[in-house]
Amino acid sequence: MTNYEIMYIVRPNLEEAQIKKVHESFVKILTDNGANVLEAKELGQKQLAYEIKKHNTGYYFLINLEANDDKATKEFDRLALISEDIIRHLVIKLEK
C-alpha cells in the first residue's frame, strides 16, 4: 500500500452546505476508486498568500489515504482540474 496526502482549496463564495457536499463527493471519488481514506480534515477558511482565480481566501481540506495503485489519486486529480469549486489542489505520494 502506498500512502498519499491530498490538500485542496474550495472557493470561498459557496454556502457551508455546498462546501461540505464538495468535500464529501471528492472523498467518495477516492473510496470508489479503491483508496482507503485514513483521515479527512477540514482546516477551515484561510487567507491565501496570493490571489487565485480572483479569490483571496479559501476553505482548506486535507486528506490522508492509502491505495494499492494511483487510480484513485489520478481520478481525483482529473476531476479537481475540471471542478470550478476547487481553486487549487496538490497530491503528494508519501515515502515510508
PDB file of N, CA and C in Angstrom:
ATOM      1  N   MET A   1       0.837  -1.189   0.000  1.00  0.00           N
ATOM      2  CA  MET A   1       0.000   0.000   0.000  1.00  0.00           C
ATOM      3  C   MET A   1       0.877   1.246   0.000  1.00  0.00           C
ATOM      4  N   THR A   2       0.486   2.194  -0.797  1.00  0.00           N
ATOM      5  CA  THR A   2       1.181   3.469  -0.884  1.00  0.00           C
ATOM      6  C   THR A   2       0.338   4.532  -0.186  1.00  0.00           C
ATOM      7  N   ASN A   3       0.983   5.393   0.581  1.00  0.00           N
ATOM      8  CA  ASN A   3       0.288   6.474   1.273  1.00  0.00           C
ATOM      9  C   ASN A   3       0.376   7.761   0.468  1.00  0.00           C
ATOM     10  N   TYR A   4      -0.735   8.493   0.459  1.00  0.00           N
ATOM     11  CA  TYR A   4      -0.834   9.769  -0.243  1.00  0.00           C
ATOM     12  C   TYR A   4      -1.414  10.818   0.693  1.00  0.00           C
ATOM     13  N   GLU A   5      -1.089  12.064   0.397  1.00  0.00           N
ATOM     14  CA  GLU A   5      -1.680  13.200   1.097  1.00  0.00           C
ATOM     15  C   GLU A   5      -2.212  14.144   0.036  1.00  0.00           C
ATOM     16  N   ILE A   6      -3.456  14.551   0.193  1.00  0.00           N
ATOM     17  CA  ILE A   6      -4.080  15.473  -0.752  1.00  0.00           C
ATOM     18  C   ILE A   6      -4.533  16.709   0.007  1.00  0.00           C
ATOM     19  N   MET A   7      -4.147  17.868  -0.474  1.00  0.00           N
ATOM     20  CA  MET A   7      -4.652  19.117   0.076  1.00  0.00           C
ATOM     21  C   MET A   7      -5.326  19.864  -1.061  1.00  0.00           C
ATOM     22  N   TYR A   8      -6.491  20.398  -0.779  1.00  0.00           N
ATOM     23  CA  TYR A   8      -7.171  21.186  -1.811  1.00  0.00           C
ATOM     24  C   TYR A   8      -7.912  22.352  -1.180  1.00  0.00           C
ATOM     25  N   ILE A   9      -8.170  23.357  -2.012  1.00  0.00           N
ATOM     26  CA  ILE A   9      -8.806  24.593  -1.562  1.00  0.00           C
ATOM     27  C   ILE A   9     -10.109  24.765  -2.337  1.00  0.00           C
ATOM     28  N   VAL A  10     -11.195  24.939  -1.584  1.00  0.00           N
ATOM     29  CA  VAL A  10     -12.513  25.156  -2.175  1.00  0.00           C
ATOM     30  C   VAL A  10     -12.794  26.652  -2.173  1.00  0.00           C
ATOM     31  N   ARG A  11     -13.403  27.124  -3.251  1.00  0.00           N
ATOM     32  CA  ARG A  11     -13.667  28.571  -3.361  1.00  0.00           C
ATOM     33  C   ARG A  11     -14.567  29.055  -2.224  1.00  0.00           C
ATOM     34  N   PRO A  12     -14.322  30.264  -1.727  1.00  0.00           N
ATOM     35  CA  PRO A  12     -14.975  30.737  -0.506  1.00  0.00           C
ATOM     36  C   PRO A  12     -16.401  31.260  -0.685  1.00  0.00           C
ATOM     37  N   ASN A  13     -16.849  31.473  -1.906  1.00  0.00           N
ATOM     38  CA  ASN A  13     -18.166  32.073  -2.096  1.00  0.00           C
ATOM     39  C   ASN A  13     -19.281  31.032  -2.178  1.00  0.00           C
ATOM     40  N   LEU A  14     -19.033  29.818  -1.700  1.00  0.00           N
ATOM     41  CA  LEU A  14     -20.057  28.785  -1.623  1.00  0.00           C
ATOM     42  C   LEU A  14     -20.698  28.789  -0.237  1.00  0.00           C
ATOM     43  N   GLU A  15     -21.924  28.290  -0.157  1.00  0.00           N
ATOM     44  CA  GLU A  15     -22.582  28.119   1.139  1.00  0.00           C
ATOM     45  C   GLU A  15     -21.892  26.984   1.892  1.00  0.00           C
ATOM     46  N   GLU A  16     -22.036  26.959   3.210  1.00  0.00           N
ATOM     47  CA  GLU A  16     -21.387  25.936   4.025  1.00  0.00           C
ATOM     48  C   GLU A  16     -21.834  24.527   3.622  1.00  0.00           C
ATOM     49  N   ALA A  17     -23.118  24.364   3.316  1.00  0.00           N
ATOM     50  CA  ALA A  17     -23.631  23.050   2.902  1.00  0.00           C
ATOM     51  C   ALA A  17     -23.015  22.615   1.571  1.00  0.00           C
ATOM     52  N   GLN A  18     -22.821  23.565   0.661  1.00  0.00           N
ATOM     53  CA  GLN A  18     -22.213  23.247  -0.632  1.00  0.00           C
ATOM     54  C   GLN A  18     -20.750  22.847  -0.466  1.00  0.00           C
ATOM     55  N   ILE A  19     -20.045  23.502   0.445  1.00  0.00           N
ATOM     56  CA  ILE A  19     -18.636  23.185   0.700  1.00  0.00           C
ATOM     57  C   ILE A  19     -18.520  21.762   1.240  1.00  0.00           C
ATOM     58  N   LYS A  20     -19.390  21.390   2.182  1.00  0.00           N
ATOM     59  CA  LYS A  20     -19.379  20.029   2.727  1.00  0.00           C
ATOM     60  C   LYS A  20     -19.726  19.011   1.644  1.00  0.00           C
ATOM     61  N   LYS A  21     -20.641  19.364   0.759  1.00  0.00           N
ATOM     62  CA  LYS A  21     -21.033  18.468  -0.329  1.00  0.00           C
ATOM     63  C   LYS A  21     -19.864  18.225  -1.286  1.00  0.00           C
ATOM     64  N   VAL A  22     -19.111  19.281  -1.594  1.00  0.00           N
ATOM     65  CA  VAL A  22     -17.930  19.152  -2.458  1.00  0.00           C
ATOM     66  C   VAL A  22     -16.917  18.215  -1.800  1.00  0.00           C
ATOM     67  N   HIS A  23     -16.661  18.424  -0.509  1.00  0.00           N
ATOM     68  CA  HIS A  23     -15.703  17.588   0.228  1.00  0.00           C
ATOM     69  C   HIS A  23     -16.155  16.125   0.243  1.00  0.00           C
ATOM     70  N   GLU A  24     -17.415  15.897   0.565  1.00  0.00           N
ATOM     71  CA  GLU A  24     -17.932  14.527   0.623  1.00  0.00           C
ATOM     72  C   GLU A  24     -17.871  13.849  -0.747  1.00  0.00           C
ATOM     73  N   SER A  25     -18.146  14.594  -1.801  1.00  0.00           N
ATOM     74  CA  SER A  25     -18.123  13.997  -3.139  1.00  0.00           C
ATOM     75  C   SER A  25     -16.701  13.607  -3.547  1.00  0.00           C
ATOM     76  N   PHE A  26     -15.707  14.398  -3.173  1.00  0.00           N
ATOM     77  CA  PHE A  26     -14.332  14.055  -3.530  1.00  0.00           C
ATOM     78  C   PHE A  26     -13.787  12.919  -2.660  1.00  0.00           C
ATOM     79  N   VAL A  27     -14.221  12.817  -1.417  1.00  0.00           N
ATOM     80  CA  VAL A  27     -13.845  11.668  -0.593  1.00  0.00           C
ATOM     81  C   VAL A  27     -14.471  10.403  -1.188  1.00  0.00           C
ATOM     82  N   LYS A  28     -15.716  10.512  -1.654  1.00  0.00           N
ATOM     83  CA  LYS A  28     -16.394   9.366  -2.275  1.00  0.00           C
ATOM     84  C   LYS A  28     -15.686   8.942  -3.558  1.00  0.00           C
ATOM     85  N   ILE A  29     -15.200   9.877  -4.339  1.00  0.00           N
ATOM     86  CA  ILE A  29     -14.449   9.563  -5.562  1.00  0.00           C
ATOM     87  C   ILE A  29     -13.224   8.720  -5.211  1.00  0.00           C
ATOM     88  N   LEU A  30     -12.537   9.089  -4.145  1.00  0.00           N
ATOM     89  CA  LEU A  30     -11.350   8.346  -3.720  1.00  0.00           C
ATOM     90  C   LEU A  30     -11.708   6.928  -3.284  1.00  0.00           C
ATOM     91  N   THR A  31     -12.738   6.797  -2.457  1.00  0.00           N
ATOM     92  CA  THR A  31     -13.115   5.472  -1.959  1.00  0.00           C
ATOM     93  C   THR A  31     -13.693   4.597  -3.064  1.00  0.00           C
ATOM     94  N   ASP A  32     -14.430   5.179  -3.988  1.00  0.00           N
ATOM     95  CA  ASP A  32     -14.992   4.410  -5.109  1.00  0.00           C
ATOM     96  C   ASP A  32     -13.913   3.862  -6.025  1.00  0.00           C
ATOM     97  N   ASN A  33     -12.745   4.495  -6.035  1.00  0.00           N
ATOM     98  CA  ASN A  33     -11.647   4.055  -6.896  1.00  0.00           C
ATOM     99  C   ASN A  33     -10.605   3.238  -6.135  1.00  0.00           C
ATOM    100  N   GLY A  34     -10.985   2.688  -4.987  1.00  0.00           N
ATOM    101  CA  GLY A  34     -10.133   1.739  -4.287  1.00  0.00           C
ATOM    102  C   GLY A  34      -9.205   2.292  -3.234  1.00  0.00           C
ATOM    103  N   ALA A  35      -9.331   3.554  -2.886  1.00  0.00           N
ATOM    104  CA  ALA A  35      -8.466   4.132  -1.849  1.00  0.00           C
ATOM    105  C   ALA A  35      -9.114   3.947  -0.477  1.00  0.00           C
ATOM    106  N   ASN A  36      -8.280   3.826   0.527  1.00  0.00           N
ATOM    107  CA  ASN A  36      -8.734   3.756   1.906  1.00  0.00           C
ATOM    108  C   ASN A  36      -8.401   5.093   2.569  1.00  0.00           C
ATOM    109  N   VAL A  37      -9.433   5.901   2.841  1.00  0.00           N
ATOM    110  CA  VAL A  37      -9.221   7.218   3.443  1.00  0.00           C
ATOM    111  C   VAL A  37      -8.941   7.035   4.925  1.00  0.00           C
ATOM    112  N   LEU A  38      -7.731   7.412   5.335  1.00  0.00           N
ATOM    113  CA  LEU A  38      -7.321   7.275   6.731  1.00  0.00           C
ATOM    114  C   LEU A  38      -7.811   8.441   7.576  1.00  0.00           C
ATOM    115  N   GLU A  39      -7.760   9.638   7.000  1.00  0.00           N
ATOM    116  CA  GLU A  39      -8.136  10.845   7.736  1.00  0.00           C
ATOM    117  C   GLU A  39      -8.560  11.911   6.736  1.00  0.00           C
ATOM    118  N   ALA A  40      -9.649  12.597   7.049  1.00  0.00           N
ATOM    119  CA  ALA A  40     -10.116  13.706   6.221  1.00  0.00           C
ATOM    120  C   ALA A  40     -10.425  14.869   7.152  1.00  0.00           C
ATOM    121  N   LYS A  41      -9.684  15.960   7.002  1.00  0.00           N
ATOM    122  CA  LYS A  41      -9.821  17.118   7.895  1.00  0.00           C
ATOM    123  C   LYS A  41     -10.267  18.346   7.120  1.00  0.00           C
ATOM    124  N   GLU A  42     -11.140  19.112   7.748  1.00  0.00           N
ATOM    125  CA  GLU A  42     -11.459  20.443   7.246  1.00  0.00           C
ATOM    126  C   GLU A  42     -10.621  21.407   8.059  1.00  0.00           C
ATOM    127  N   LEU A  43      -9.740  22.139   7.384  1.00  0.00           N
ATOM    128  CA  LEU A  43      -8.836  23.056   8.085  1.00  0.00           C
ATOM    129  C   LEU A  43      -9.406  24.465   8.199  1.00  0.00           C
ATOM    130  N   GLY A  44     -10.548  24.702   7.585  1.00  0.00           N
ATOM    131  CA  GLY A  44     -11.228  25.987   7.715  1.00  0.00           C
ATOM    132  C   GLY A  44     -10.825  26.988   6.649  1.00  0.00           C
ATOM    133  N   GLN A  45     -11.399  28.166   6.764  1.00  0.00           N
ATOM    134  CA  GLN A  45     -11.131  29.230   5.802  1.00  0.00           C
ATOM    135  C   GLN A  45      -9.853  29.957   6.194  1.00  0.00           C
ATOM    136  N   LYS A  46      -8.988  30.126   5.218  1.00  0.00           N
ATOM    137  CA  LYS A  46      -7.707  30.785   5.454  1.00  0.00           C
ATOM    138  C   LYS A  46      -7.439  31.812   4.357  1.00  0.00           C
ATOM    139  N   GLN A  47      -6.613  32.775   4.708  1.00  0.00           N
ATOM    140  CA  GLN A  47      -6.152  33.784   3.765  1.00  0.00           C
ATOM    141  C   GLN A  47      -5.139  33.143   2.811  1.00  0.00           C
ATOM    142  N   LEU A  48      -5.273  33.389   1.521  1.00  0.00           N
ATOM    143  CA  LEU A  48      -4.321  32.872   0.539  1.00  0.00           C
ATOM    144  C   LEU A  48      -3.100  33.785   0.466  1.00  0.00           C
ATOM    145  N   ALA A  49      -1.959  33.230   0.141  1.00  0.00           N
ATOM    146  CA  ALA A  49      -0.734  34.020   0.019  1.00  0.00           C
ATOM    147  C   ALA A  49      -0.812  34.966  -1.178  1.00  0.00           C
ATOM    148  N   TYR A  50      -1.545  34.557  -2.194  1.00  0.00           N
ATOM    149  CA  TYR A  50      -1.751  35.396  -3.379  1.00  0.00           C
ATOM    150  C   TYR A  50      -3.123  35.065  -3.958  1.00  0.00           C
ATOM    151  N   GLU A  51      -3.632  35.946  -4.770  1.00  0.00           N
ATOM    152  CA  GLU A  51      -4.955  35.778  -5.350  1.00  0.00           C
ATOM    153  C   GLU A  51      -4.974  34.605  -6.329  1.00  0.00           C
ATOM    154  N   ILE A  52      -5.973  33.733  -6.186  1.00  0.00           N
ATOM    155  CA  ILE A  52      -6.162  32.606  -7.094  1.00  0.00           C
ATOM    156  C   ILE A  52      -7.573  32.690  -7.651  1.00  0.00           C
ATOM    157  N   LYS A  53      -7.681  32.802  -8.951  1.00  0.00           N
ATOM    158  CA  LYS A  53      -8.985  32.883  -9.628  1.00  0.00           C
ATOM    159  C   LYS A  53      -9.885  33.937  -8.985  1.00  0.00           C
ATOM    160  N   LYS A  54      -9.305  35.089  -8.691  1.00  0.00           N
ATOM    161  CA  LYS A  54      -9.988  36.244  -8.120  1.00  0.00           C
ATOM    162  C   LYS A  54     -10.501  36.023  -6.698  1.00  0.00           C
ATOM    163  N   HIS A  55      -9.885  35.071  -5.958  1.00  0.00           N
ATOM    164  CA  HIS A  55     -10.244  34.823  -4.560  1.00  0.00           C
ATOM    165  C   HIS A  55      -9.030  35.087  -3.683  1.00  0.00           C
ATOM    166  N   ASN A  56      -9.270  35.725  -2.526  1.00  0.00           N
ATOM    167  CA  ASN A  56      -8.196  35.997  -1.565  1.00  0.00           C
ATOM    168  C   ASN A  56      -8.218  35.043  -0.379  1.00  0.00           C
ATOM    169  N   THR A  57      -9.327  34.294  -0.216  1.00  0.00           N
ATOM    170  CA  THR A  57      -9.433  33.297   0.836  1.00  0.00           C
ATOM    171  C   THR A  57      -9.953  32.000   0.223  1.00  0.00           C
ATOM    172  N   GLY A  58      -9.872  30.925   1.004  1.00  0.00           N
ATOM    173  CA  GLY A  58     -10.389  29.650   0.538  1.00  0.00           C
ATOM    174  C   GLY A  58     -10.537  28.682   1.703  1.00  0.00           C
ATOM    175  N   TYR A  59     -11.359  27.660   1.515  1.00  0.00           N
ATOM    176  CA  TYR A  59     -11.554  26.621   2.521  1.00  0.00           C
ATOM    177  C   TYR A  59     -10.597  25.475   2.236  1.00  0.00           C
ATOM    178  N   TYR A  60      -9.736  25.203   3.199  1.00  0.00           N
ATOM    179  CA  TYR A  60      -8.700  24.184   3.041  1.00  0.00           C
ATOM    180  C   TYR A  60      -9.186  22.829   3.557  1.00  0.00           C
ATOM    181  N   PHE A  61      -8.821  21.767   2.836  1.00  0.00           N
ATOM    182  CA  PHE A  61      -9.118  20.399   3.238  1.00  0.00           C
ATOM    183  C   PHE A  61      -7.864  19.561   3.075  1.00  0.00           C
ATOM    184  N   LEU A  62      -7.678  18.602   3.981  1.00  0.00           N
ATOM    185  CA  LEU A  62      -6.531  17.707   3.952  1.00  0.00           C
ATOM    186  C   LEU A  62      -7.036  16.275   4.060  1.00  0.00           C
ATOM    187  N   ILE A  63      -6.592  15.409   3.139  1.00  0.00           N
ATOM    188  CA  ILE A  63      -6.990  14.001   3.149  1.00  0.00           C
ATOM    189  C   ILE A  63      -5.729  13.147   3.142  1.00  0.00           C
ATOM    190  N   ASN A  64      -5.635  12.206   4.079  1.00  0.00           N
ATOM    191  CA  ASN A  64      -4.579  11.199   4.094  1.00  0.00           C
ATOM    192  C   ASN A  64      -5.221   9.884   3.692  1.00  0.00           C
ATOM    193  N   LEU A  65      -4.585   9.170   2.764  1.00  0.00           N
ATOM    194  CA  LEU A  65      -5.165   7.932   2.284  1.00  0.00           C
ATOM    195  C   LEU A  65      -4.084   6.939   1.919  1.00  0.00           C
ATOM    196  N   GLU A  66      -4.508   5.679   1.747  1.00  0.00           N
ATOM    197  CA  GLU A  66      -3.605   4.662   1.239  1.00  0.00           C
ATOM    198  C   GLU A  66      -4.315   3.930   0.108  1.00  0.00           C
ATOM    199  N   ALA A  67      -3.527   3.498  -0.886  1.00  0.00           N
ATOM    200  CA  ALA A  67      -4.094   2.833  -2.048  1.00  0.00           C
ATOM    201  C   ALA A  67      -3.070   1.868  -2.630  1.00  0.00           C
ATOM    202  N   ASN A  68      -3.560   0.843  -3.299  1.00  0.00           N
ATOM    203  CA  ASN A  68      -2.683  -0.136  -3.945  1.00  0.00           C
ATOM    204  C   ASN A  68      -2.021   0.432  -5.194  1.00  0.00           C
ATOM    205  N   ASP A  69      -2.751   1.289  -5.912  1.00  0.00           N
ATOM    206  CA  ASP A  69      -2.209   1.907  -7.121  1.00  0.00           C
ATOM    207  C   ASP A  69      -2.623   3.380  -7.135  1.00  0.00           C
ATOM    208  N   ASP A  70      -2.279   4.067  -8.217  1.00  0.00           N
ATOM    209  CA  ASP A  70      -2.572   5.503  -8.283  1.00  0.00           C
ATOM    210  C   ASP A  70      -3.875   5.816  -9.008  1.00  0.00           C
ATOM    211  N   LYS A  71      -4.729   4.837  -9.205  1.00  0.00           N
ATOM    212  CA  LYS A  71      -6.002   5.045  -9.910  1.00  0.00           C
ATOM    213  C   LYS A  71      -6.862   6.112  -9.210  1.00  0.00           C
ATOM    214  N   ALA A  72      -6.994   5.998  -7.892  1.00  0.00           N
ATOM    215  CA  ALA A  72      -7.848   6.925  -7.141  1.00  0.00           C
ATOM    216  C   ALA A  72      -7.295   8.352  -7.181  1.00  0.00           C
ATOM    217  N   THR A  73      -5.985   8.501  -7.008  1.00  0.00           N
ATOM    218  CA  THR A  73      -5.406   9.848  -6.999  1.00  0.00           C
ATOM    219  C   THR A  73      -5.442  10.477  -8.389  1.00  0.00           C
ATOM    220  N   LYS A  74      -5.281   9.669  -9.419  1.00  0.00           N
ATOM    221  CA  LYS A  74      -5.369  10.212 -10.788  1.00  0.00           C
ATOM    222  C   LYS A  74      -6.785  10.670 -11.102  1.00  0.00           C
ATOM    223  N   GLU A  75      -7.776   9.910 -10.654  1.00  0.00           N
ATOM    224  CA  GLU A  75      -9.170  10.308 -10.868  1.00  0.00           C
ATOM    225  C   GLU A  75      -9.492  11.570 -10.075  1.00  0.00           C
ATOM    226  N   PHE A  76      -8.996  11.664  -8.833  1.00  0.00           N
ATOM    227  CA  PHE A  76      -9.177  12.879  -8.028  1.00  0.00           C
ATOM    228  C   PHE A  76      -8.569  14.072  -8.763  1.00  0.00           C
ATOM    229  N   ASP A  77      -7.339  13.910  -9.240  1.00  0.00           N
ATOM    230  CA  ASP A  77      -6.633  14.973  -9.945  1.00  0.00           C
ATOM    231  C   ASP A  77      -7.407  15.425 -11.179  1.00  0.00           C
ATOM    232  N   ARG A  78      -7.900  14.473 -11.946  1.00  0.00           N
ATOM    233  CA  ARG A  78      -8.644  14.782 -13.176  1.00  0.00           C
ATOM    234  C   ARG A  78      -9.905  15.577 -12.859  1.00  0.00           C
ATOM    235  N   LEU A  79     -10.671  15.123 -11.871  1.00  0.00           N
ATOM    236  CA  LEU A  79     -11.928  15.796 -11.538  1.00  0.00           C
ATOM    237  C   LEU A  79     -11.709  17.127 -10.821  1.00  0.00           C
ATOM    238  N   ALA A  80     -10.627  17.245 -10.055  1.00  0.00           N
ATOM    239  CA  ALA A  80     -10.326  18.509  -9.384  1.00  0.00           C
ATOM    240  C   ALA A  80      -9.953  19.583 -10.405  1.00  0.00           C
ATOM    241  N   LEU A  81      -9.283  19.181 -11.479  1.00  0.00           N
ATOM    242  CA  LEU A  81      -8.940  20.142 -12.535  1.00  0.00           C
ATOM    243  C   LEU A  81     -10.187  20.628 -13.270  1.00  0.00           C
ATOM    244  N   ILE A  82     -11.179  19.762 -13.407  1.00  0.00           N
ATOM    245  CA  ILE A  82     -12.419  20.113 -14.102  1.00  0.00           C
ATOM    246  C   ILE A  82     -13.335  20.960 -13.223  1.00  0.00           C
ATOM    247  N   SER A  83     -13.363  20.653 -11.931  1.00  0.00           N
ATOM    248  CA  SER A  83     -14.294  21.287 -10.998  1.00  0.00           C
ATOM    249  C   SER A  83     -14.034  22.791 -10.860  1.00  0.00           C
ATOM    250  N   GLU A  84     -15.111  23.559 -10.908  1.00  0.00           N
ATOM    251  CA  GLU A  84     -14.999  25.005 -10.705  1.00  0.00           C
ATOM    252  C   GLU A  84     -14.975  25.342  -9.210  1.00  0.00           C
ATOM    253  N   ASP A  85     -15.342  24.378  -8.360  1.00  0.00           N
ATOM    254  CA  ASP A  85     -15.401  24.621  -6.918  1.00  0.00           C
ATOM    255  C   ASP A  85     -14.035  24.517  -6.261  1.00  0.00           C
ATOM    256  N   ILE A  86     -13.113  23.760  -6.846  1.00  0.00           N
ATOM    257  CA  ILE A  86     -11.762  23.630  -6.300  1.00  0.00           C
ATOM    258  C   ILE A  86     -10.844  24.589  -7.052  1.00  0.00           C
ATOM    259  N   ILE A  87     -10.236  25.516  -6.297  1.00  0.00           N
ATOM    260  CA  ILE A  87      -9.389  26.512  -6.967  1.00  0.00           C
ATOM    261  C   ILE A  87      -7.918  26.104  -6.999  1.00  0.00           C
ATOM    262  N   ARG A  88      -7.518  25.130  -6.145  1.00  0.00           N
ATOM    263  CA  ARG A  88      -6.141  24.637  -6.173  1.00  0.00           C
ATOM    264  C   ARG A  88      -6.103  23.302  -5.436  1.00  0.00           C
ATOM    265  N   HIS A  89      -5.265  22.382  -5.910  1.00  0.00           N
ATOM    266  CA  HIS A  89      -5.109  21.094  -5.227  1.00  0.00           C
ATOM    267  C   HIS A  89      -3.690  20.581  -5.418  1.00  0.00           C
ATOM    268  N   LEU A  90      -3.298  19.679  -4.516  1.00  0.00           N
ATOM    269  CA  LEU A  90      -1.968  19.093  -4.564  1.00  0.00           C
ATOM    270  C   LEU A  90      -2.055  17.660  -4.045  1.00  0.00           C
ATOM    271  N   VAL A  91      -1.501  16.716  -4.817  1.00  0.00           N
ATOM    272  CA  VAL A  91      -1.464  15.317  -4.423  1.00  0.00           C
ATOM    273  C   VAL A  91       0.005  14.957  -4.207  1.00  0.00           C
ATOM    274  N   ILE A  92       0.321  14.421  -3.014  1.00  0.00           N
ATOM    275  CA  ILE A  92       1.696  14.073  -2.662  1.00  0.00           C
ATOM    276  C   ILE A  92       1.753  12.589  -2.325  1.00  0.00           C
ATOM    277  N   LYS A  93       2.722  11.890  -2.915  1.00  0.00           N
ATOM    278  CA  LYS A  93       2.973  10.492  -2.557  1.00  0.00           C
ATOM    279  C   LYS A  93       3.966  10.498  -1.405  1.00  0.00           C
ATOM    280  N   LEU A  94       3.576   9.918  -0.278  1.00  0.00           N
ATOM    281  CA  LEU A  94       4.409   9.932   0.916  1.00  0.00           C
ATOM    282  C   LEU A  94       5.387   8.766   0.883  1.00  0.00           C
ATOM    283  N   GLU A  95       6.605   9.031   1.258  1.00  0.00           N
ATOM    284  CA  GLU A  95       7.642   7.989   1.346  1.00  0.00           C
ATOM    285  C   GLU A  95       7.581   7.349   2.723  1.00  0.00           C
ATOM    286  N   LYS A  96       7.910   6.085   2.802  1.00  0.00           N
ATOM    287  CA  LYS A  96       7.879   5.380   4.094  1.00  0.00           C
ATOM    288  C   LYS A  96       9.162   5.532   4.848  1.00  0.00           C
TER     289      LYS A  96
END
